[in-house]
Amino acid sequence: MILVVGATGLLGGHIARKLLDRGKPVRLLVRQGSAYDGFVTAGAEAVIGDLKDPDSVRAACRGVDAVITTQTLSAAMARTTSSRWITSATTT
């Protein structure tokens, strides 16, 4: 399973579509209200969450073999989000 973070954006969407076209199992971390239905129709699994929510990141990472992200924490997000969760989310 490959987790794609940022799939509703231009680059992430392109990557997710290519993976799905190649028959790869794809999971997406998507925010509530984002347009991801087309990916689910094409075979992707969606996990609703946010990079600022450690529990949703852990849920999205559970059972994946690789993570591809085109999304990063902005400086403003980094100031308001503890970076401590990153290690626990990626090692779970």
PDB file of N, CA and C in Angstrom:
ATOM      1  N   MET A   1       0.851  -1.174   0.000  1.00  0.00           N
ATOM      2  CA  MET A   1       0.000   0.000   0.000  1.00  0.00           C
ATOM      3  C   MET A   1       0.894   1.234   0.000  1.00  0.00           C
ATOM      4  N   ILE A   2       0.557   2.193  -0.842  1.00  0.00           N
ATOM      5  CA  ILE A   2       1.299   3.448  -0.948  1.00  0.00           C
ATOM      6  C   ILE A   2       0.385   4.583  -0.502  1.00  0.00           C
ATOM      7  N   LEU A   3       0.830   5.338   0.482  1.00  0.00           N
ATOM      8  CA  LEU A   3       0.078   6.496   0.953  1.00  0.00           C
ATOM      9  C   LEU A   3       0.524   7.717   0.166  1.00  0.00           C
ATOM     10  N   VAL A   4      -0.447   8.430  -0.395  1.00  0.00           N
ATOM     11  CA  VAL A   4      -0.155   9.680  -1.096  1.00  0.00           C
ATOM     12  C   VAL A   4      -0.791  10.814  -0.297  1.00  0.00           C
ATOM     13  N   VAL A   5       0.040  11.731   0.141  1.00  0.00           N
ATOM     14  CA  VAL A   5      -0.417  12.916   0.869  1.00  0.00           C
ATOM     15  C   VAL A   5      -0.306  14.091  -0.094  1.00  0.00           C
ATOM     16  N   GLY A   6      -1.408  14.780  -0.294  1.00  0.00           N
ATOM     17  CA  GLY A   6      -1.418  15.892  -1.245  1.00  0.00           C
ATOM     18  C   GLY A   6      -2.037  15.511  -2.579  1.00  0.00           C
ATOM     19  N   ALA A   7      -2.795  14.419  -2.616  1.00  0.00           N
ATOM     20  CA  ALA A   7      -3.348  13.916  -3.877  1.00  0.00           C
ATOM     21  C   ALA A   7      -4.406  14.823  -4.484  1.00  0.00           C
ATOM     22  N   THR A   8      -4.992  15.718  -3.704  1.00  0.00           N
ATOM     23  CA  THR A   8      -5.994  16.611  -4.287  1.00  0.00           C
ATOM     24  C   THR A   8      -5.353  17.824  -4.949  1.00  0.00           C
ATOM     25  N   GLY A   9      -4.046  17.926  -4.860  1.00  0.00           N
ATOM     26  CA  GLY A   9      -3.318  18.981  -5.566  1.00  0.00           C
ATOM     27  C   GLY A   9      -2.884  18.498  -6.942  1.00  0.00           C
ATOM     28  N   LEU A  10      -2.304  19.369  -7.700  1.00  0.00           N
ATOM     29  CA  LEU A  10      -1.917  19.057  -9.073  1.00  0.00           C
ATOM     30  C   LEU A  10      -0.878  17.936  -9.145  1.00  0.00           C
ATOM     31  N   LEU A  11       0.246  18.093  -8.484  1.00  0.00           N
ATOM     32  CA  LEU A  11       1.307  17.089  -8.543  1.00  0.00           C
ATOM     33  C   LEU A  11       0.903  15.796  -7.842  1.00  0.00           C
ATOM     34  N   GLY A  12       0.362  15.905  -6.632  1.00  0.00           N
ATOM     35  CA  GLY A  12      -0.059  14.717  -5.896  1.00  0.00           C
ATOM     36  C   GLY A  12      -1.137  13.941  -6.634  1.00  0.00           C
ATOM     37  N   GLY A  13      -2.046  14.653  -7.271  1.00  0.00           N
ATOM     38  CA  GLY A  13      -3.098  14.006  -8.062  1.00  0.00           C
ATOM     39  C   GLY A  13      -2.523  13.244  -9.236  1.00  0.00           C
ATOM     40  N   HIS A  14      -1.544  13.832  -9.883  1.00  0.00           N
ATOM     41  CA  HIS A  14      -0.893  13.173 -11.012  1.00  0.00           C
ATOM     42  C   HIS A  14      -0.206  11.886 -10.546  1.00  0.00           C
ATOM     43  N   ILE A  15       0.476  11.959  -9.429  1.00  0.00           N
ATOM     44  CA  ILE A  15       1.172  10.795  -8.885  1.00  0.00           C
ATOM     45  C   ILE A  15       0.173   9.708  -8.514  1.00  0.00           C
ATOM     46  N   ALA A  16      -0.893  10.078  -7.810  1.00  0.00           N
ATOM     47  CA  ALA A  16      -1.905   9.096  -7.401  1.00  0.00           C
ATOM     48  C   ALA A  16      -2.535   8.428  -8.616  1.00  0.00           C
ATOM     49  N   ARG A  17      -2.857   9.198  -9.647  1.00  0.00           N
ATOM     50  CA  ARG A  17      -3.453   8.619 -10.865  1.00  0.00           C
ATOM     51  C   ARG A  17      -2.495   7.653 -11.549  1.00  0.00           C
ATOM     52  N   LYS A  18      -1.230   8.003 -11.640  1.00  0.00           N
ATOM     53  CA  LYS A  18      -0.239   7.119 -12.269  1.00  0.00           C
ATOM     54  C   LYS A  18      -0.122   5.805 -11.498  1.00  0.00           C
ATOM     55  N   LEU A  19      -0.080   5.899 -10.173  1.00  0.00           N
ATOM     56  CA  LEU A  19       0.007   4.685  -9.358  1.00  0.00           C
ATOM     57  C   LEU A  19      -1.221   3.804  -9.568  1.00  0.00           C
ATOM     58  N   LEU A  20      -2.404   4.410  -9.551  1.00  0.00           N
ATOM     59  CA  LEU A  20      -3.626   3.651  -9.767  1.00  0.00           C
ATOM     60  C   LEU A  20      -3.665   3.036 -11.164  1.00  0.00           C
ATOM     61  N   ASP A  21      -3.226   3.792 -12.165  1.00  0.00           N
ATOM     62  CA  ASP A  21      -3.175   3.274 -13.543  1.00  0.00           C
ATOM     63  C   ASP A  21      -2.269   2.058 -13.651  1.00  0.00           C
ATOM     64  N   ARG A  22      -1.253   2.014 -12.804  1.00  0.00           N
ATOM     65  CA  ARG A  22      -0.313   0.887 -12.812  1.00  0.00           C
ATOM     66  C   ARG A  22      -0.754  -0.251 -11.895  1.00  0.00           C
ATOM     67  N   GLY A  23      -1.950  -0.129 -11.334  1.00  0.00           N
ATOM     68  CA  GLY A  23      -2.498  -1.186 -10.507  1.00  0.00           C
ATOM     69  C   GLY A  23      -1.951  -1.246  -9.093  1.00  0.00           C
ATOM     70  N   LYS A  24      -1.315  -0.183  -8.646  1.00  0.00           N
ATOM     71  CA  LYS A  24      -0.750  -0.146  -7.295  1.00  0.00           C
ATOM     72  C   LYS A  24      -1.851   0.157  -6.278  1.00  0.00           C
ATOM     73  N   PRO A  25      -1.776  -0.450  -5.094  1.00  0.00           N
ATOM     74  CA  PRO A  25      -2.737  -0.109  -4.042  1.00  0.00           C
ATOM     75  C   PRO A  25      -2.388   1.263  -3.461  1.00  0.00           C
ATOM     76  N   VAL A  26      -3.364   2.167  -3.459  1.00  0.00           N
ATOM     77  CA  VAL A  26      -3.124   3.560  -3.072  1.00  0.00           C
ATOM     78  C   VAL A  26      -4.090   3.963  -1.961  1.00  0.00           C
ATOM     79  N   ARG A  27      -3.539   4.619  -0.956  1.00  0.00           N
ATOM     80  CA  ARG A  27      -4.335   5.239   0.101  1.00  0.00           C
ATOM     81  C   ARG A  27      -4.026   6.724   0.070  1.00  0.00           C
ATOM     82  N   LEU A  28      -5.047   7.534   0.291  1.00  0.00           N
ATOM     83  CA  LEU A  28      -4.889   8.982   0.291  1.00  0.00           C
ATOM     84  C   LEU A  28      -5.206   9.545   1.671  1.00  0.00           C
ATOM     85  N   LEU A  29      -4.406  10.482   2.125  1.00  0.00           N
ATOM     86  CA  LEU A  29      -4.755  11.271   3.299  1.00  0.00           C
ATOM     87  C   LEU A  29      -5.378  12.551   2.765  1.00  0.00           C
ATOM     88  N   VAL A  30      -6.674  12.725   3.021  1.00  0.00           N
ATOM     89  CA  VAL A  30      -7.403  13.871   2.466  1.00  0.00           C
ATOM     90  C   VAL A  30      -8.127  14.611   3.579  1.00  0.00           C
ATOM     91  N   ARG A  31      -8.299  15.901   3.379  1.00  0.00           N
ATOM     92  CA  ARG A  31      -9.036  16.704   4.349  1.00  0.00           C
ATOM     93  C   ARG A  31     -10.534  16.618   4.059  1.00  0.00           C
ATOM     94  N   GLN A  32     -11.315  16.730   5.130  1.00  0.00           N
ATOM     95  CA  GLN A  32     -12.768  16.753   5.001  1.00  0.00           C
ATOM     96  C   GLN A  32     -13.178  17.830   4.002  1.00  0.00           C
ATOM     97  N   GLY A  33     -14.030  17.473   3.072  1.00  0.00           N
ATOM     98  CA  GLY A  33     -14.528  18.436   2.096  1.00  0.00           C
ATOM     99  C   GLY A  33     -13.700  18.556   0.827  1.00  0.00           C
ATOM    100  N   SER A  34     -12.560  17.877   0.767  1.00  0.00           N
ATOM    101  CA  SER A  34     -11.749  17.968  -0.457  1.00  0.00           C
ATOM    102  C   SER A  34     -12.324  17.032  -1.524  1.00  0.00           C
ATOM    103  N   ALA A  35     -11.987  17.302  -2.760  1.00  0.00           N
ATOM    104  CA  ALA A  35     -12.524  16.539  -3.895  1.00  0.00           C
ATOM    105  C   ALA A  35     -11.629  15.335  -4.179  1.00  0.00           C
ATOM    106  N   TYR A  36     -12.015  14.180  -3.658  1.00  0.00           N
ATOM    107  CA  TYR A  36     -11.218  12.975  -3.835  1.00  0.00           C
ATOM    108  C   TYR A  36     -12.031  11.802  -4.372  1.00  0.00           C
ATOM    109  N   ASP A  37     -13.317  11.998  -4.621  1.00  0.00           N
ATOM    110  CA  ASP A  37     -14.200  10.907  -5.048  1.00  0.00           C
ATOM    111  C   ASP A  37     -13.711  10.192  -6.293  1.00  0.00           C
ATOM    112  N   GLY A  38     -13.131  10.925  -7.229  1.00  0.00           N
ATOM    113  CA  GLY A  38     -12.632  10.309  -8.458  1.00  0.00           C
ATOM    114  C   GLY A  38     -11.539   9.290  -8.193  1.00  0.00           C
ATOM    115  N   PHE A  39     -10.725   9.551  -7.195  1.00  0.00           N
ATOM    116  CA  PHE A  39      -9.667   8.609  -6.832  1.00  0.00           C
ATOM    117  C   PHE A  39     -10.253   7.344  -6.215  1.00  0.00           C
ATOM    118  N   VAL A  40     -11.279   7.517  -5.373  1.00  0.00           N
ATOM    119  CA  VAL A  40     -11.934   6.364  -4.750  1.00  0.00           C
ATOM    120  C   VAL A  40     -12.606   5.520  -5.831  1.00  0.00           C
ATOM    121  N   THR A  41     -13.254   6.159  -6.782  1.00  0.00           N
ATOM    122  CA  THR A  41     -13.874   5.446  -7.894  1.00  0.00           C
ATOM    123  C   THR A  41     -12.834   4.658  -8.680  1.00  0.00           C
ATOM    124  N   ALA A  42     -11.627   5.208  -8.776  1.00  0.00           N
ATOM    125  CA  ALA A  42     -10.540   4.543  -9.514  1.00  0.00           C
ATOM    126  C   ALA A  42      -9.850   3.461  -8.681  1.00  0.00           C
ATOM    127  N   GLY A  43     -10.240   3.325  -7.394  1.00  0.00           N
ATOM    128  CA  GLY A  43      -9.688   2.248  -6.594  1.00  0.00           C
ATOM    129  C   GLY A  43      -8.880   2.650  -5.381  1.00  0.00           C
ATOM    130  N   ALA A  44      -8.702   3.941  -5.154  1.00  0.00           N
ATOM    131  CA  ALA A  44      -7.935   4.385  -3.985  1.00  0.00           C
ATOM    132  C   ALA A  44      -8.779   4.290  -2.721  1.00  0.00           C
ATOM    133  N   GLU A  45      -8.099   4.167  -1.617  1.00  0.00           N
ATOM    134  CA  GLU A  45      -8.732   4.205  -0.301  1.00  0.00           C
ATOM    135  C   GLU A  45      -8.442   5.581   0.281  1.00  0.00           C
ATOM    136  N   ALA A  46      -9.448   6.229   0.835  1.00  0.00           N
ATOM    137  CA  ALA A  46      -9.259   7.558   1.408  1.00  0.00           C
ATOM    138  C   ALA A  46      -9.362   7.505   2.925  1.00  0.00           C
ATOM    139  N   VAL A  47      -8.451   8.225   3.585  1.00  0.00           N
ATOM    140  CA  VAL A  47      -8.505   8.413   5.026  1.00  0.00           C
ATOM    141  C   VAL A  47      -8.662   9.911   5.258  1.00  0.00           C
ATOM    142  N   ILE A  48      -9.734  10.283   5.932  1.00  0.00           N
ATOM    143  CA  ILE A  48      -9.968  11.696   6.233  1.00  0.00           C
ATOM    144  C   ILE A  48      -9.042  12.104   7.376  1.00  0.00           C
ATOM    145  N   GLY A  49      -8.314  13.190   7.176  1.00  0.00           N
ATOM    146  CA  GLY A  49      -7.411  13.643   8.221  1.00  0.00           C
ATOM    147  C   GLY A  49      -6.707  14.921   7.839  1.00  0.00           C
ATOM    148  N   ASP A  50      -5.678  15.209   8.611  1.00  0.00           N
ATOM    149  CA  ASP A  50      -4.924  16.441   8.420  1.00  0.00           C
ATOM    150  C   ASP A  50      -3.528  16.234   8.983  1.00  0.00           C
ATOM    151  N   LEU A  51      -2.528  16.809   8.363  1.00  0.00           N
ATOM    152  CA  LEU A  51      -1.161  16.684   8.864  1.00  0.00           C
ATOM    153  C   LEU A  51      -1.007  17.243  10.270  1.00  0.00           C
ATOM    154  N   LYS A  52      -1.901  18.138  10.674  1.00  0.00           N
ATOM    155  CA  LYS A  52      -1.838  18.701  12.018  1.00  0.00           C
ATOM    156  C   LYS A  52      -2.487  17.792  13.058  1.00  0.00           C
ATOM    157  N   ASP A  53      -3.062  16.683  12.620  1.00  0.00           N
ATOM    158  CA  ASP A  53      -3.749  15.753  13.516  1.00  0.00           C
ATOM    159  C   ASP A  53      -2.979  14.434  13.573  1.00  0.00           C
ATOM    160  N   PRO A  54      -2.168  14.227  14.605  1.00  0.00           N
ATOM    161  CA  PRO A  54      -1.329  13.029  14.685  1.00  0.00           C
ATOM    162  C   PRO A  54      -2.100  11.721  14.580  1.00  0.00           C
ATOM    163  N   ASP A  55      -3.293  11.653  15.168  1.00  0.00           N
ATOM    164  CA  ASP A  55      -4.070  10.412  15.106  1.00  0.00           C
ATOM    165  C   ASP A  55      -4.470  10.066  13.675  1.00  0.00           C
ATOM    166  N   SER A  56      -4.836  11.070  12.895  1.00  0.00           N
ATOM    167  CA  SER A  56      -5.224  10.795  11.511  1.00  0.00           C
ATOM    168  C   SER A  56      -4.009  10.403  10.672  1.00  0.00           C
ATOM    169  N   VAL A  57      -2.854  10.973  10.972  1.00  0.00           N
ATOM    170  CA  VAL A  57      -1.630  10.590  10.260  1.00  0.00           C
ATOM    171  C   VAL A  57      -1.259   9.151  10.596  1.00  0.00           C
ATOM    172  N   ARG A  58      -1.360   8.783  11.866  1.00  0.00           N
ATOM    173  CA  ARG A  58      -1.091   7.394  12.260  1.00  0.00           C
ATOM    174  C   ARG A  58      -2.040   6.438  11.553  1.00  0.00           C
ATOM    175  N   ALA A  59      -3.322   6.786  11.502  1.00  0.00           N
ATOM    176  CA  ALA A  59      -4.313   5.937  10.831  1.00  0.00           C
ATOM    177  C   ALA A  59      -3.993   5.786   9.352  1.00  0.00           C
ATOM    178  N   ALA A  60      -3.599   6.876   8.722  1.00  0.00           N
ATOM    179  CA  ALA A  60      -3.276   6.827   7.295  1.00  0.00           C
ATOM    180  C   ALA A  60      -2.026   5.997   7.026  1.00  0.00           C
ATOM    181  N   CYS A  61      -1.069   6.036   7.941  1.00  0.00           N
ATOM    182  CA  CYS A  61       0.201   5.319   7.761  1.00  0.00           C
ATOM    183  C   CYS A  61       0.115   3.832   8.105  1.00  0.00           C
ATOM    184  N   ARG A  62      -0.897   3.444   8.828  1.00  0.00           N
ATOM    185  CA  ARG A  62      -1.017   2.054   9.286  1.00  0.00           C
ATOM    186  C   ARG A  62      -1.069   1.097   8.091  1.00  0.00           C
ATOM    187  N   GLY A  63      -0.091   0.207   8.029  1.00  0.00           N
ATOM    188  CA  GLY A  63      -0.076  -0.824   6.994  1.00  0.00           C
ATOM    189  C   GLY A  63       0.468  -0.392   5.647  1.00  0.00           C
ATOM    190  N   VAL A  64       1.024   0.806   5.546  1.00  0.00           N
ATOM    191  CA  VAL A  64       1.563   1.238   4.253  1.00  0.00           C
ATOM    192  C   VAL A  64       3.023   0.842   4.128  1.00  0.00           C
ATOM    193  N   ASP A  65       3.453   0.648   2.889  1.00  0.00           N
ATOM    194  CA  ASP A  65       4.840   0.305   2.596  1.00  0.00           C
ATOM    195  C   ASP A  65       5.664   1.531   2.237  1.00  0.00           C
ATOM    196  N   ALA A  66       4.994   2.571   1.749  1.00  0.00           N
ATOM    197  CA  ALA A  66       5.701   3.779   1.321  1.00  0.00           C
ATOM    198  C   ALA A  66       4.776   4.978   1.451  1.00  0.00           C
ATOM    199  N   VAL A  67       5.370   6.140   1.662  1.00  0.00           N
ATOM    200  CA  VAL A  67       4.620   7.393   1.735  1.00  0.00           C
ATOM    201  C   VAL A  67       5.200   8.343   0.701  1.00  0.00           C
ATOM    202  N   ILE A  68       4.318   8.883  -0.120  1.00  0.00           N
ATOM    203  CA  ILE A  68       4.706   9.925  -1.073  1.00  0.00           C
ATOM    204  C   ILE A  68       3.931  11.167  -0.677  1.00  0.00           C
ATOM    205  N   THR A  69       4.637  12.246  -0.432  1.00  0.00           N
ATOM    206  CA  THR A  69       3.956  13.477  -0.051  1.00  0.00           C
ATOM    207  C   THR A  69       4.420  14.649  -0.899  1.00  0.00           C
ATOM    208  N   THR A  70       3.461  15.440  -1.306  1.00  0.00           N
ATOM    209  CA  THR A  70       3.761  16.695  -1.977  1.00  0.00           C
ATOM    210  C   THR A  70       3.343  17.849  -1.079  1.00  0.00           C
ATOM    211  N   GLN A  71       2.894  17.502   0.121  1.00  0.00           N
ATOM    212  CA  GLN A  71       2.445  18.492   1.098  1.00  0.00           C
ATOM    213  C   GLN A  71       3.465  18.580   2.222  1.00  0.00           C
ATOM    214  N   THR A  72       3.758  19.781   2.644  1.00  0.00           N
ATOM    215  CA  THR A  72       4.676  19.979   3.754  1.00  0.00           C
ATOM    216  C   THR A  72       4.034  20.884   4.790  1.00  0.00           C
ATOM    217  N   LEU A  73       4.568  20.845   5.980  1.00  0.00           N
ATOM    218  CA  LEU A  73       4.112  21.774   6.998  1.00  0.00           C
ATOM    219  C   LEU A  73       4.689  23.149   6.697  1.00  0.00           C
ATOM    220  N   SER A  74       3.836  24.140   6.648  1.00  0.00           N
ATOM    221  CA  SER A  74       4.317  25.504   6.446  1.00  0.00           C
ATOM    222  C   SER A  74       4.946  26.003   7.745  1.00  0.00           C
ATOM    223  N   ALA A  75       5.650  27.098   7.660  1.00  0.00           N
ATOM    224  CA  ALA A  75       6.265  27.677   8.852  1.00  0.00           C
ATOM    225  C   ALA A  75       5.200  28.012   9.896  1.00  0.00           C
ATOM    226  N   ALA A  76       4.062  28.519   9.460  1.00  0.00           N
ATOM    227  CA  ALA A  76       2.988  28.855  10.393  1.00  0.00           C
ATOM    228  C   ALA A  76       2.439  27.601  11.049  1.00  0.00           C
ATOM    229  N   MET A  77       2.272  26.541  10.283  1.00  0.00           N
ATOM    230  CA  MET A  77       1.783  25.284  10.846  1.00  0.00           C
ATOM    231  C   MET A  77       2.793  24.713  11.826  1.00  0.00           C
ATOM    232  N   ALA A  78       4.059  24.809  11.494  1.00  0.00           N
ATOM    233  CA  ALA A  78       5.103  24.262  12.358  1.00  0.00           C
ATOM    234  C   ALA A  78       5.130  24.977  13.705  1.00  0.00           C
ATOM    235  N   ARG A  79       4.848  26.267  13.707  1.00  0.00           N
ATOM    236  CA  ARG A  79       4.841  27.022  14.959  1.00  0.00           C
ATOM    237  C   ARG A  79       3.670  26.619  15.848  1.00  0.00           C
ATOM    238  N   THR A  80       2.577  26.174  15.238  1.00  0.00           N
ATOM    239  CA  THR A  80       1.384  25.841  16.018  1.00  0.00           C
ATOM    240  C   THR A  80       1.200  24.343  16.202  1.00  0.00           C
ATOM    241  N   THR A  81       2.076  23.538  15.637  1.00  0.00           N
ATOM    242  CA  THR A  81       1.950  22.084  15.706  1.00  0.00           C
ATOM    243  C   THR A  81       3.202  21.494  16.323  1.00  0.00           C
ATOM    244  N   SER A  82       3.032  20.632  17.283  1.00  0.00           N
ATOM    245  CA  SER A  82       4.175  19.964  17.898  1.00  0.00           C
ATOM    246  C   SER A  82       4.787  18.990  16.904  1.00  0.00           C
ATOM    247  N   SER A  83       6.093  19.032  16.753  1.00  0.00           N
ATOM    248  CA  SER A  83       6.754  18.100  15.837  1.00  0.00           C
ATOM    249  C   SER A  83       6.986  16.742  16.480  1.00  0.00           C
ATOM    250  N   ARG A  84       6.705  16.617  17.755  1.00  0.00           N
ATOM    251  CA  ARG A  84       6.923  15.360  18.469  1.00  0.00           C
ATOM    252  C   ARG A  84       6.132  14.212  17.859  1.00  0.00           C
ATOM    253  N   TRP A  85       4.935  14.475  17.335  1.00  0.00           N
ATOM    254  CA  TRP A  85       4.089  13.413  16.796  1.00  0.00           C
ATOM    255  C   TRP A  85       4.658  12.803  15.538  1.00  0.00           C
ATOM    256  N   ILE A  86       5.508  13.514  14.806  1.00  0.00           N
ATOM    257  CA  ILE A  86       6.002  13.011  13.527  1.00  0.00           C
ATOM    258  C   ILE A  86       6.725  11.681  13.706  1.00  0.00           C
ATOM    259  N   THR A  87       7.577  11.572  14.707  1.00  0.00           N
ATOM    260  CA  THR A  87       8.293  10.321  14.937  1.00  0.00           C
ATOM    261  C   THR A  87       7.339   9.200  15.285  1.00  0.00           C
ATOM    262  N   SER A  88       6.400   9.445  16.196  1.00  0.00           N
ATOM    263  CA  SER A  88       5.492   8.367  16.594  1.00  0.00           C
ATOM    264  C   SER A  88       4.556   7.988  15.456  1.00  0.00           C
ATOM    265  N   ALA A  89       4.159   8.946  14.645  1.00  0.00           N
ATOM    266  CA  ALA A  89       3.248   8.629  13.546  1.00  0.00           C
ATOM    267  C   ALA A  89       3.931   7.811  12.472  1.00  0.00           C
ATOM    268  N   THR A  90       5.192   8.057  12.241  1.00  0.00           N
ATOM    269  CA  THR A  90       5.875   7.355  11.161  1.00  0.00           C
ATOM    270  C   THR A  90       6.479   6.034  11.616  1.00  0.00           C
ATOM    271  N   THR A  91       6.550   5.794  12.918  1.00  0.00           N
ATOM    272  CA  THR A  91       7.109   4.523  13.390  1.00  0.00           C
ATOM    273  C   THR A  91       6.038   3.552  13.844  1.00  0.00           C
ATOM    274  N   THR A  92       4.784   3.950  13.789  1.00  0.00           N
ATOM    275  CA  THR A  92       3.687   3.076  14.219  1.00  0.00           C
ATOM    276  C   THR A  92       3.371   2.071  13.144  1.00  0.00           C
TER     277      THR A  92
END
